[in-house]
Amino acid sequence: MTTFRPWRPTLPAAVISAVWLIADQVAKAAVTATMTLHDSVAVIPFLSLTYTRNPGAAFSLLAQADGTFRFWFFTTISIVAVVMVVAFIRRVPAQDWWTLTALSLILGGALGNMIDRIRFGEVIDFIDLYVGVHHWPIFNLADSGITVGMVILLGRMVLDKRGAAARPAPHL
């Protein structure tokens, strides 16, 4: 019988989160060191590096709100999110790598954007995806980690439900 130890997945999750956080912060530092605000460099036909700053949340939500309100609101939300994700990570069985990876990417992304908000009062964005003249809102590696982590978690939930539906009901 295996004893459940909530601390076991913490080290791999910390490594994944740290790698994602470092990649995010290094990329943002490179953008700010080599580009001026609103500069754009085409990389491939559907991707440019475009240096922007977002004082709001996703899709510039609350970007027009008072700066002090935004700072405390987003800092509080970020801290709560980080605490919750760490609590979830501590409860995931060590062999559930998909869930651990998903939560670790979310944690690294949340920390990356939280650091920006504390340092600059806004988030540095630079990944510009587009088709013709239609652009997705510009984002960063932290946002990508959060999004990919959420997609993995949703995929796990769908697959778990399908697997449960395919299993025969227990006999009473």
C-alpha atoms as a PDB file:
ATOM      1  CA  MET A   1       0.000   0.000   0.000  1.00  0.00           C
ATOM      2  CA  THR A   2       1.341   3.414  -0.984  1.00  0.00           C
ATOM      3  CA  THR A   3       1.071   6.187   1.558  1.00  0.00           C
ATOM      4  CA  PHE A   4      -0.101   9.501   0.136  1.00  0.00           C
ATOM      5  CA  ARG A   5       2.471  12.211   0.815  1.00  0.00           C
ATOM      6  CA  PRO A   6       1.302  15.671  -0.286  1.00  0.00           C
ATOM      7  CA  TRP A   7       4.858  17.062  -0.333  1.00  0.00           C
ATOM      8  CA  ARG A   8       6.170  14.560  -2.927  1.00  0.00           C
ATOM      9  CA  PRO A   9       5.084  16.411  -6.073  1.00  0.00           C
ATOM     10  CA  THR A  10       6.312  19.747  -4.761  1.00  0.00           C
ATOM     11  CA  LEU A  11       9.900  19.503  -6.069  1.00  0.00           C
ATOM     12  CA  PRO A  12       9.090  18.632  -9.716  1.00  0.00           C
ATOM     13  CA  ALA A  13       6.306  21.224  -9.723  1.00  0.00           C
ATOM     14  CA  ALA A  14       8.679  23.831  -8.289  1.00  0.00           C
ATOM     15  CA  VAL A  15      11.242  23.068 -11.002  1.00  0.00           C
ATOM     16  CA  ILE A  16       8.683  23.344 -13.820  1.00  0.00           C
ATOM     17  CA  SER A  17       7.237  26.549 -12.351  1.00  0.00           C
ATOM     18  CA  ALA A  18      10.692  28.061 -11.863  1.00  0.00           C
ATOM     19  CA  VAL A  19      11.794  27.217 -15.412  1.00  0.00           C
ATOM     20  CA  TRP A  20       8.628  28.788 -16.850  1.00  0.00           C
ATOM     21  CA  LEU A  21       8.945  31.846 -14.591  1.00  0.00           C
ATOM     22  CA  ILE A  22      12.613  32.350 -15.518  1.00  0.00           C
ATOM     23  CA  ALA A  23      11.880  31.931 -19.251  1.00  0.00           C
ATOM     24  CA  ASP A  24       9.080  34.505 -18.969  1.00  0.00           C
ATOM     25  CA  GLN A  25      11.199  37.040 -17.078  1.00  0.00           C
ATOM     26  CA  VAL A  26      14.245  36.583 -19.350  1.00  0.00           C
ATOM     27  CA  ALA A  27      12.086  37.033 -22.469  1.00  0.00           C
ATOM     28  CA  LYS A  28      10.496  40.178 -21.020  1.00  0.00           C
ATOM     29  CA  ALA A  29      13.926  41.554 -20.052  1.00  0.00           C
ATOM     30  CA  ALA A  30      15.222  40.885 -23.580  1.00  0.00           C
ATOM     31  CA  VAL A  31      12.232  42.658 -25.120  1.00  0.00           C
ATOM     32  CA  THR A  32      12.566  45.707 -22.872  1.00  0.00           C
ATOM     33  CA  ALA A  33      16.352  45.862 -23.416  1.00  0.00           C
ATOM     34  CA  THR A  34      16.216  45.625 -27.216  1.00  0.00           C
ATOM     35  CA  MET A  35      12.934  47.281 -28.196  1.00  0.00           C
ATOM     36  CA  THR A  36      11.138  50.519 -27.463  1.00  0.00           C
ATOM     37  CA  LEU A  37       7.489  50.541 -26.509  1.00  0.00           C
ATOM     38  CA  HIS A  38       5.229  49.689 -29.490  1.00  0.00           C
ATOM     39  CA  ASP A  39       8.139  48.489 -31.672  1.00  0.00           C
ATOM     40  CA  SER A  40       7.235  45.446 -33.731  1.00  0.00           C
ATOM     41  CA  VAL A  41       9.486  42.923 -35.453  1.00  0.00           C
ATOM     42  CA  ALA A  42       8.047  40.307 -37.820  1.00  0.00           C
ATOM     43  CA  VAL A  43       9.341  36.835 -37.014  1.00  0.00           C
ATOM     44  CA  ILE A  44       7.281  34.630 -39.340  1.00  0.00           C
ATOM     45  CA  PRO A  45       4.181  35.427 -41.459  1.00  0.00           C
ATOM     46  CA  PHE A  46       1.742  35.091 -38.522  1.00  0.00           C
ATOM     47  CA  LEU A  47       3.958  36.091 -35.575  1.00  0.00           C
ATOM     48  CA  SER A  48       5.607  39.341 -34.577  1.00  0.00           C
ATOM     49  CA  LEU A  49       7.346  40.477 -31.434  1.00  0.00           C
ATOM     50  CA  THR A  50       5.501  43.641 -30.457  1.00  0.00           C
ATOM     51  CA  TYR A  51       6.447  45.359 -27.215  1.00  0.00           C
ATOM     52  CA  THR A  52       3.400  46.557 -25.286  1.00  0.00           C
ATOM     53  CA  ARG A  53       2.418  47.024 -21.671  1.00  0.00           C
ATOM     54  CA  ASN A  54      -0.964  46.034 -20.329  1.00  0.00           C
ATOM     55  CA  PRO A  55      -2.127  47.764 -17.147  1.00  0.00           C
ATOM     56  CA  GLY A  56      -5.274  45.601 -17.097  1.00  0.00           C
ATOM     57  CA  ALA A  57      -5.946  41.889 -17.129  1.00  0.00           C
ATOM     58  CA  ALA A  58      -6.695  39.642 -20.102  1.00  0.00           C
ATOM     59  CA  PHE A  59      -7.999  41.631 -23.068  1.00  0.00           C
ATOM     60  CA  SER A  60      -7.104  44.837 -21.129  1.00  0.00           C
ATOM     61  CA  LEU A  61      -9.856  44.260 -18.572  1.00  0.00           C
ATOM     62  CA  LEU A  62      -9.794  47.102 -15.997  1.00  0.00           C
ATOM     63  CA  ALA A  63      -7.026  48.887 -17.929  1.00  0.00           C
ATOM     64  CA  GLN A  64      -8.835  52.208 -17.426  1.00  0.00           C
ATOM     65  CA  ALA A  65      -9.365  51.710 -13.672  1.00  0.00           C
ATOM     66  CA  ASP A  66      -7.479  53.764 -11.083  1.00  0.00           C
ATOM     67  CA  GLY A  67      -3.819  52.675 -10.818  1.00  0.00           C
ATOM     68  CA  THR A  68      -3.889  52.136  -7.052  1.00  0.00           C
ATOM     69  CA  PHE A  69      -7.047  50.062  -7.324  1.00  0.00           C
ATOM     70  CA  ARG A  70      -5.531  47.977 -10.163  1.00  0.00           C
ATOM     71  CA  PHE A  71      -2.331  47.383  -8.201  1.00  0.00           C
ATOM     72  CA  TRP A  72      -4.061  46.119  -5.061  1.00  0.00           C
ATOM     73  CA  PHE A  73      -6.790  44.235  -6.937  1.00  0.00           C
ATOM     74  CA  PHE A  74      -4.433  42.349  -9.245  1.00  0.00           C
ATOM     75  CA  THR A  75      -1.809  41.783  -6.535  1.00  0.00           C
ATOM     76  CA  THR A  76      -4.445  40.326  -4.204  1.00  0.00           C
ATOM     77  CA  ILE A  77      -5.915  38.141  -6.957  1.00  0.00           C
ATOM     78  CA  SER A  78      -2.414  36.942  -7.899  1.00  0.00           C
ATOM     79  CA  ILE A  79      -1.487  36.066  -4.321  1.00  0.00           C
ATOM     80  CA  VAL A  80      -4.758  34.174  -3.806  1.00  0.00           C
ATOM     81  CA  ALA A  81      -4.250  32.322  -7.109  1.00  0.00           C
ATOM     82  CA  VAL A  82      -0.665  31.379  -6.230  1.00  0.00           C
ATOM     83  CA  VAL A  83      -1.684  30.101  -2.779  1.00  0.00           C
ATOM     84  CA  MET A  84      -4.545  28.070  -4.273  1.00  0.00           C
ATOM     85  CA  VAL A  85      -2.393  26.538  -7.017  1.00  0.00           C
ATOM     86  CA  VAL A  86       0.325  25.597  -4.500  1.00  0.00           C
ATOM     87  CA  ALA A  87      -2.350  23.986  -2.300  1.00  0.00           C
ATOM     88  CA  PHE A  88      -3.658  22.019  -5.299  1.00  0.00           C
ATOM     89  CA  ILE A  89      -0.130  20.927  -6.282  1.00  0.00           C
ATOM     90  CA  ARG A  90       0.489  19.584  -2.774  1.00  0.00           C
ATOM     91  CA  ARG A  91      -2.570  17.348  -3.097  1.00  0.00           C
ATOM     92  CA  VAL A  92      -1.881  15.896  -6.549  1.00  0.00           C
ATOM     93  CA  PRO A  93      -0.493  12.349  -6.512  1.00  0.00           C
ATOM     94  CA  ALA A  94       3.133  12.325  -7.691  1.00  0.00           C
ATOM     95  CA  GLN A  95       2.325   9.980 -10.592  1.00  0.00           C
ATOM     96  CA  ASP A  96      -0.239  12.415 -12.086  1.00  0.00           C
ATOM     97  CA  TRP A  97       2.280  14.229 -14.276  1.00  0.00           C
ATOM     98  CA  TRP A  98      -0.292  15.865 -16.548  1.00  0.00           C
ATOM     99  CA  THR A  99      -2.028  17.603 -13.670  1.00  0.00           C
ATOM    100  CA  LEU A 100       1.265  18.523 -11.982  1.00  0.00           C
ATOM    101  CA  THR A 101       2.614  19.982 -15.222  1.00  0.00           C
ATOM    102  CA  ALA A 102      -0.588  21.930 -15.854  1.00  0.00           C
ATOM    103  CA  LEU A 103      -0.650  23.403 -12.350  1.00  0.00           C
ATOM    104  CA  SER A 104       3.078  24.150 -12.517  1.00  0.00           C
ATOM    105  CA  LEU A 105       2.677  26.111 -15.766  1.00  0.00           C
ATOM    106  CA  ILE A 106      -0.226  28.040 -14.247  1.00  0.00           C
ATOM    107  CA  LEU A 107       1.866  28.787 -11.157  1.00  0.00           C
ATOM    108  CA  GLY A 108       4.899  29.937 -13.167  1.00  0.00           C
ATOM    109  CA  GLY A 109       2.677  32.144 -15.326  1.00  0.00           C
ATOM    110  CA  ALA A 110       0.829  33.656 -12.371  1.00  0.00           C
ATOM    111  CA  LEU A 111       4.133  34.459 -10.667  1.00  0.00           C
ATOM    112  CA  GLY A 112       5.578  35.970 -13.858  1.00  0.00           C
ATOM    113  CA  ASN A 113       2.688  38.372 -14.313  1.00  0.00           C
ATOM    114  CA  MET A 114       2.555  39.130 -10.583  1.00  0.00           C
ATOM    115  CA  ILE A 115       6.232  40.150 -10.648  1.00  0.00           C
ATOM    116  CA  ASP A 116       5.516  42.523 -13.549  1.00  0.00           C
ATOM    117  CA  ARG A 117       2.567  44.082 -11.734  1.00  0.00           C
ATOM    118  CA  ILE A 118       4.600  44.633  -8.573  1.00  0.00           C
ATOM    119  CA  ARG A 119       7.664  45.979 -10.429  1.00  0.00           C
ATOM    120  CA  PHE A 120       5.976  48.048 -13.155  1.00  0.00           C
ATOM    121  CA  GLY A 121       2.296  48.327 -12.249  1.00  0.00           C
ATOM    122  CA  GLU A 122       1.499  46.597 -15.553  1.00  0.00           C
ATOM    123  CA  VAL A 123       2.382  43.460 -17.501  1.00  0.00           C
ATOM    124  CA  ILE A 124       4.910  43.367 -20.342  1.00  0.00           C
ATOM    125  CA  ASP A 125       3.424  41.686 -23.431  1.00  0.00           C
ATOM    126  CA  PHE A 126       5.194  40.919 -26.698  1.00  0.00           C
ATOM    127  CA  ILE A 127       3.783  37.892 -28.558  1.00  0.00           C
ATOM    128  CA  ASP A 128       1.624  39.133 -31.434  1.00  0.00           C
ATOM    129  CA  LEU A 129      -0.246  36.410 -33.363  1.00  0.00           C
ATOM    130  CA  TYR A 130      -2.271  37.389 -36.395  1.00  0.00           C
ATOM    131  CA  VAL A 131      -3.823  36.350 -39.691  1.00  0.00           C
ATOM    132  CA  GLY A 132      -3.766  39.181 -42.203  1.00  0.00           C
ATOM    133  CA  VAL A 133      -5.046  42.239 -40.365  1.00  0.00           C
ATOM    134  CA  HIS A 134      -6.762  40.216 -37.621  1.00  0.00           C
ATOM    135  CA  HIS A 135      -4.635  40.186 -34.449  1.00  0.00           C
ATOM    136  CA  TRP A 136      -5.095  38.187 -31.281  1.00  0.00           C
ATOM    137  CA  PRO A 137      -4.508  40.383 -28.195  1.00  0.00           C
ATOM    138  CA  ILE A 138      -0.751  40.591 -27.555  1.00  0.00           C
ATOM    139  CA  PHE A 139       0.387  38.307 -24.721  1.00  0.00           C
ATOM    140  CA  ASN A 140       3.518  36.888 -23.049  1.00  0.00           C
ATOM    141  CA  LEU A 141       5.020  33.570 -21.930  1.00  0.00           C
ATOM    142  CA  ALA A 142       3.323  33.813 -18.523  1.00  0.00           C
ATOM    143  CA  ASP A 143      -0.067  34.071 -20.245  1.00  0.00           C
ATOM    144  CA  SER A 144       0.884  31.100 -22.437  1.00  0.00           C
ATOM    145  CA  GLY A 145       1.743  28.982 -19.394  1.00  0.00           C
ATOM    146  CA  ILE A 146      -1.573  29.823 -17.751  1.00  0.00           C
ATOM    147  CA  THR A 147      -3.498  29.062 -20.951  1.00  0.00           C
ATOM    148  CA  VAL A 148      -1.690  25.803 -21.752  1.00  0.00           C
ATOM    149  CA  GLY A 149      -2.053  24.695 -18.124  1.00  0.00           C
ATOM    150  CA  MET A 150      -5.796  25.359 -18.217  1.00  0.00           C
ATOM    151  CA  VAL A 151      -6.168  23.489 -21.528  1.00  0.00           C
ATOM    152  CA  ILE A 152      -4.356  20.489 -20.052  1.00  0.00           C
ATOM    153  CA  LEU A 153      -6.583  20.550 -16.944  1.00  0.00           C
ATOM    154  CA  LEU A 154      -9.745  20.801 -19.042  1.00  0.00           C
ATOM    155  CA  GLY A 155      -8.516  17.981 -21.272  1.00  0.00           C
ATOM    156  CA  ARG A 156      -7.860  15.819 -18.216  1.00  0.00           C
ATOM    157  CA  MET A 157     -11.366  16.510 -16.913  1.00  0.00           C
ATOM    158  CA  VAL A 158     -12.961  15.593 -20.255  1.00  0.00           C
ATOM    159  CA  LEU A 159     -10.882  12.425 -20.584  1.00  0.00           C
ATOM    160  CA  ASP A 160     -11.590  11.433 -16.972  1.00  0.00           C
ATOM    161  CA  LYS A 161     -15.338  11.851 -17.543  1.00  0.00           C
ATOM    162  CA  ARG A 162     -15.196   9.815 -20.765  1.00  0.00           C
ATOM    163  CA  GLY A 163     -13.207   7.109 -19.014  1.00  0.00           C
ATOM    164  CA  ALA A 164     -15.662   7.027 -16.133  1.00  0.00           C
ATOM    165  CA  ALA A 165     -18.603   6.792 -18.549  1.00  0.00           C
ATOM    166  CA  ALA A 166     -16.965   3.882 -20.379  1.00  0.00           C
ATOM    167  CA  ARG A 167     -16.358   1.878 -17.212  1.00  0.00           C
ATOM    168  CA  PRO A 168     -19.135  -0.442 -16.105  1.00  0.00           C
ATOM    169  CA  ALA A 169     -21.119   0.557 -13.056  1.00  0.00           C
ATOM    170  CA  PRO A 170     -20.191  -1.322  -9.886  1.00  0.00           C
ATOM    171  CA  HIS A 171     -22.490  -4.120  -8.809  1.00  0.00           C
ATOM    172  CA  LEU A 172     -24.374  -3.505  -5.615  1.00  0.00           C
END
